[in-house]
Amino acid sequence: MKRIRIVIYGLLLILCLSGCASEADKNSCEVDVLAKTTKSWNDAILAEYPEGQPEITILRITIAPGAELPIHEHPVINAGVLLKGELTVITENDKVLHLKAGEPIVEVVDTWHYGKNEGKGEAELIIFYAGTTDLPITIKKEN
């Protein structure tokens, strides 16, 4: 478990500080912490990282205006940023999160939920999943 955390922290540090390595670059580089938390957006404590070979997945997801995603859950911790548009995320027990462009999301884990784009333009997100090679990142709910 410690190895997974080290890999994730190392990757995040590289992503955050890339381009800010030298003194000259530090004058032209700014780092904003968008999220640093032990909880998902619905205030639940994040699950422990799974055992096994770490696997990082980074997705760019585009959701058309008016589109509603199927109900699903994530068995792994994931977080991202809404790059453009608007997105509403709703859990099965009716907790709601409204996101606007530039806002981060630390997703719910092992909680059925869905997203919908209620805006007039596309919603575009970058999502980072910290999983293992033997786990899916998303499971759709069977009807």
C-alpha atoms as a PDB file:
ATOM      1  CA  MET A   1       0.000   0.000   0.000  1.00  0.00           C
ATOM      2  CA  LYS A   2       2.879   2.386   0.785  1.00  0.00           C
ATOM      3  CA  ARG A   3       4.337   1.686  -2.660  1.00  0.00           C
ATOM      4  CA  ILE A   4       1.073   2.713  -4.339  1.00  0.00           C
ATOM      5  CA  ARG A   5       1.002   5.965  -2.360  1.00  0.00           C
ATOM      6  CA  ILE A   6       4.608   6.723  -3.242  1.00  0.00           C
ATOM      7  CA  VAL A   7       3.910   6.112  -6.950  1.00  0.00           C
ATOM      8  CA  ILE A   8       0.798   8.307  -6.868  1.00  0.00           C
ATOM      9  CA  TYR A   9       2.459  11.123  -4.906  1.00  0.00           C
ATOM     10  CA  GLY A  10       5.489  10.956  -7.188  1.00  0.00           C
ATOM     11  CA  LEU A  11       3.341  11.121 -10.316  1.00  0.00           C
ATOM     12  CA  LEU A  12       1.331  14.027  -8.928  1.00  0.00           C
ATOM     13  CA  LEU A  13       4.510  15.864  -7.955  1.00  0.00           C
ATOM     14  CA  ILE A  14       5.943  15.381 -11.444  1.00  0.00           C
ATOM     15  CA  LEU A  15       2.709  16.588 -13.058  1.00  0.00           C
ATOM     16  CA  CYS A  16       2.471  19.605 -10.769  1.00  0.00           C
ATOM     17  CA  LEU A  17       6.082  20.677 -10.929  1.00  0.00           C
ATOM     18  CA  SER A  18       6.994  19.799 -14.508  1.00  0.00           C
ATOM     19  CA  GLY A  19       8.261  22.952 -16.132  1.00  0.00           C
ATOM     20  CA  CYS A  20       9.154  24.454 -12.712  1.00  0.00           C
ATOM     21  CA  ALA A  21      12.404  22.560 -12.163  1.00  0.00           C
ATOM     22  CA  SER A  22      14.982  25.315 -12.579  1.00  0.00           C
ATOM     23  CA  GLU A  23      15.206  28.657 -10.769  1.00  0.00           C
ATOM     24  CA  ALA A  24      14.467  30.486 -14.029  1.00  0.00           C
ATOM     25  CA  ASP A  25      11.320  28.413 -14.566  1.00  0.00           C
ATOM     26  CA  LYS A  26      10.068  29.055 -11.017  1.00  0.00           C
ATOM     27  CA  ASN A  27       9.649  32.737 -11.876  1.00  0.00           C
ATOM     28  CA  SER A  28       7.350  31.856 -14.782  1.00  0.00           C
ATOM     29  CA  CYS A  29       5.474  28.940 -13.244  1.00  0.00           C
ATOM     30  CA  GLU A  30       2.539  28.907 -10.864  1.00  0.00           C
ATOM     31  CA  VAL A  31       1.109  25.891  -9.056  1.00  0.00           C
ATOM     32  CA  ASP A  32      -2.464  25.985  -7.738  1.00  0.00           C
ATOM     33  CA  VAL A  33      -3.690  23.190  -5.478  1.00  0.00           C
ATOM     34  CA  LEU A  34      -7.160  22.384  -6.823  1.00  0.00           C
ATOM     35  CA  ALA A  35      -7.892  19.619  -4.330  1.00  0.00           C
ATOM     36  CA  LYS A  36      -6.135  18.036  -1.348  1.00  0.00           C
ATOM     37  CA  THR A  37      -8.461  15.943   0.741  1.00  0.00           C
ATOM     38  CA  THR A  38      -9.138  12.632   2.463  1.00  0.00           C
ATOM     39  CA  LYS A  39     -12.814  12.764   1.451  1.00  0.00           C
ATOM     40  CA  SER A  40     -14.841  12.537  -1.737  1.00  0.00           C
ATOM     41  CA  TRP A  41     -17.234  15.311  -2.759  1.00  0.00           C
ATOM     42  CA  ASN A  42     -20.101  13.748  -0.767  1.00  0.00           C
ATOM     43  CA  ASP A  43     -17.965  13.994   2.406  1.00  0.00           C
ATOM     44  CA  ALA A  44     -17.274  10.223   2.629  1.00  0.00           C
ATOM     45  CA  ILE A  45     -13.789   9.156   3.745  1.00  0.00           C
ATOM     46  CA  LEU A  46     -11.815   7.820   0.771  1.00  0.00           C
ATOM     47  CA  ALA A  47     -11.300   4.053   0.624  1.00  0.00           C
ATOM     48  CA  GLU A  48      -7.830   2.589   1.076  1.00  0.00           C
ATOM     49  CA  TYR A  49      -5.834   1.945  -2.063  1.00  0.00           C
ATOM     50  CA  PRO A  50      -6.277  -1.618  -3.326  1.00  0.00           C
ATOM     51  CA  GLU A  51      -3.499  -4.216  -3.066  1.00  0.00           C
ATOM     52  CA  GLY A  52      -1.814  -5.307  -6.265  1.00  0.00           C
ATOM     53  CA  GLN A  53       0.117  -3.886  -9.199  1.00  0.00           C
ATOM     54  CA  PRO A  54      -0.655  -0.138  -9.370  1.00  0.00           C
ATOM     55  CA  GLU A  55      -2.218   1.074 -12.588  1.00  0.00           C
ATOM     56  CA  ILE A  56      -2.810   4.747 -13.294  1.00  0.00           C
ATOM     57  CA  THR A  57      -5.435   5.746 -15.862  1.00  0.00           C
ATOM     58  CA  ILE A  58      -5.974   9.304 -17.042  1.00  0.00           C
ATOM     59  CA  LEU A  59      -9.032   9.969 -19.211  1.00  0.00           C
ATOM     60  CA  ARG A  60     -10.333  12.981 -21.093  1.00  0.00           C
ATOM     61  CA  ILE A  61     -14.125  12.660 -21.058  1.00  0.00           C
ATOM     62  CA  THR A  62     -16.436  14.804 -23.196  1.00  0.00           C
ATOM     63  CA  ILE A  63     -20.172  14.826 -22.440  1.00  0.00           C
ATOM     64  CA  ALA A  64     -22.583  16.325 -24.957  1.00  0.00           C
ATOM     65  CA  PRO A  65     -25.117  18.964 -23.894  1.00  0.00           C
ATOM     66  CA  GLY A  66     -28.219  17.289 -22.447  1.00  0.00           C
ATOM     67  CA  ALA A  67     -26.501  13.901 -22.123  1.00  0.00           C
ATOM     68  CA  GLU A  68     -26.952  11.772 -19.005  1.00  0.00           C
ATOM     69  CA  LEU A  69     -24.469   9.048 -18.140  1.00  0.00           C
ATOM     70  CA  PRO A  70     -25.665   5.630 -16.925  1.00  0.00           C
ATOM     71  CA  ILE A  71     -25.651   4.885 -13.193  1.00  0.00           C
ATOM     72  CA  HIS A  72     -22.222   3.553 -12.269  1.00  0.00           C
ATOM     73  CA  GLU A  73     -19.668   3.279  -9.466  1.00  0.00           C
ATOM     74  CA  HIS A  74     -15.885   3.392  -9.211  1.00  0.00           C
ATOM     75  CA  PRO A  75     -14.063   0.762  -7.123  1.00  0.00           C
ATOM     76  CA  VAL A  76     -10.925   2.951  -7.120  1.00  0.00           C
ATOM     77  CA  ILE A  77     -10.090   6.481  -6.024  1.00  0.00           C
ATOM     78  CA  ASN A  78     -10.319   9.019  -8.830  1.00  0.00           C
ATOM     79  CA  ALA A  79     -10.232  12.764  -9.151  1.00  0.00           C
ATOM     80  CA  GLY A  80     -10.201  15.332 -11.893  1.00  0.00           C
ATOM     81  CA  VAL A  81     -10.974  18.788 -13.161  1.00  0.00           C
ATOM     82  CA  LEU A  82     -13.840  20.020 -15.294  1.00  0.00           C
ATOM     83  CA  LEU A  83     -12.022  21.841 -18.083  1.00  0.00           C
ATOM     84  CA  LYS A  84     -15.071  23.370 -19.739  1.00  0.00           C
ATOM     85  CA  GLY A  85     -18.840  23.414 -19.468  1.00  0.00           C
ATOM     86  CA  GLU A  86     -21.032  22.343 -16.582  1.00  0.00           C
ATOM     87  CA  LEU A  87     -21.651  18.974 -14.958  1.00  0.00           C
ATOM     88  CA  THR A  88     -24.087  17.761 -12.330  1.00  0.00           C
ATOM     89  CA  VAL A  89     -23.261  14.573 -10.397  1.00  0.00           C
ATOM     90  CA  ILE A  90     -26.004  12.815  -8.438  1.00  0.00           C
ATOM     91  CA  THR A  91     -25.709   9.844  -6.073  1.00  0.00           C
ATOM     92  CA  GLU A  92     -28.361   7.174  -5.727  1.00  0.00           C
ATOM     93  CA  ASN A  93     -29.354   8.691  -2.368  1.00  0.00           C
ATOM     94  CA  ASP A  94     -29.820  12.128  -4.022  1.00  0.00           C
ATOM     95  CA  LYS A  95     -26.652  13.965  -2.973  1.00  0.00           C
ATOM     96  CA  VAL A  96     -25.897  16.500  -5.709  1.00  0.00           C
ATOM     97  CA  LEU A  97     -22.741  18.246  -6.881  1.00  0.00           C
ATOM     98  CA  HIS A  98     -22.832  21.051  -9.467  1.00  0.00           C
ATOM     99  CA  LEU A  99     -19.500  21.656 -11.193  1.00  0.00           C
ATOM    100  CA  LYS A 100     -18.440  24.566 -13.390  1.00  0.00           C
ATOM    101  CA  ALA A 101     -15.370  24.859 -15.608  1.00  0.00           C
ATOM    102  CA  GLY A 102     -12.137  24.961 -13.627  1.00  0.00           C
ATOM    103  CA  GLU A 103     -13.531  23.195 -10.563  1.00  0.00           C
ATOM    104  CA  PRO A 104     -12.052  19.929  -9.239  1.00  0.00           C
ATOM    105  CA  ILE A 105     -13.908  16.773  -8.278  1.00  0.00           C
ATOM    106  CA  VAL A 106     -12.780  13.996  -5.942  1.00  0.00           C
ATOM    107  CA  GLU A 107     -15.195  11.291  -6.994  1.00  0.00           C
ATOM    108  CA  VAL A 108     -17.223   8.980  -4.796  1.00  0.00           C
ATOM    109  CA  VAL A 109     -15.901   5.415  -4.427  1.00  0.00           C
ATOM    110  CA  ASP A 110     -18.167   2.342  -4.277  1.00  0.00           C
ATOM    111  CA  THR A 111     -21.214   4.628  -4.514  1.00  0.00           C
ATOM    112  CA  TRP A 112     -23.776   4.439  -7.306  1.00  0.00           C
ATOM    113  CA  HIS A 113     -24.060   7.779  -9.101  1.00  0.00           C
ATOM    114  CA  TYR A 114     -24.428   9.381 -12.505  1.00  0.00           C
ATOM    115  CA  GLY A 115     -23.525  12.617 -14.211  1.00  0.00           C
ATOM    116  CA  LYS A 116     -25.475  14.819 -16.554  1.00  0.00           C
ATOM    117  CA  ASN A 117     -24.637  17.838 -18.628  1.00  0.00           C
ATOM    118  CA  GLU A 118     -27.389  20.394 -18.096  1.00  0.00           C
ATOM    119  CA  GLY A 119     -25.430  23.116 -19.887  1.00  0.00           C
ATOM    120  CA  LYS A 120     -25.637  24.406 -23.430  1.00  0.00           C
ATOM    121  CA  GLY A 121     -22.112  23.316 -24.425  1.00  0.00           C
ATOM    122  CA  GLU A 122     -19.955  20.233 -24.067  1.00  0.00           C
ATOM    123  CA  ALA A 123     -18.616  19.304 -20.631  1.00  0.00           C
ATOM    124  CA  GLU A 124     -14.993  18.201 -20.755  1.00  0.00           C
ATOM    125  CA  LEU A 125     -13.103  16.593 -17.862  1.00  0.00           C
ATOM    126  CA  ILE A 126      -9.698  15.140 -17.200  1.00  0.00           C
ATOM    127  CA  ILE A 127      -9.994  12.316 -14.641  1.00  0.00           C
ATOM    128  CA  PHE A 128      -7.108  10.509 -12.888  1.00  0.00           C
ATOM    129  CA  TYR A 129      -7.811   6.962 -11.578  1.00  0.00           C
ATOM    130  CA  ALA A 130      -5.494   5.285  -9.022  1.00  0.00           C
ATOM    131  CA  GLY A 131      -6.270   1.595  -9.432  1.00  0.00           C
ATOM    132  CA  THR A 132      -4.650  -1.766  -9.988  1.00  0.00           C
ATOM    133  CA  THR A 133      -4.325  -3.915 -13.092  1.00  0.00           C
ATOM    134  CA  ASP A 134      -6.972  -6.368 -11.867  1.00  0.00           C
ATOM    135  CA  LEU A 135      -9.744  -3.819 -11.102  1.00  0.00           C
ATOM    136  CA  PRO A 136     -12.013  -1.963 -13.506  1.00  0.00           C
ATOM    137  CA  ILE A 137     -12.181   1.802 -13.051  1.00  0.00           C
ATOM    138  CA  THR A 138     -15.941   1.955 -13.643  1.00  0.00           C
ATOM    139  CA  ILE A 139     -18.793  -0.536 -13.164  1.00  0.00           C
ATOM    140  CA  LYS A 140     -22.196   0.163 -14.746  1.00  0.00           C
ATOM    141  CA  LYS A 141     -25.242  -0.737 -12.707  1.00  0.00           C
ATOM    142  CA  GLU A 142     -27.390  -3.544 -14.107  1.00  0.00           C
ATOM    143  CA  ASN A 143     -31.090  -2.697 -14.347  1.00  0.00           C
END
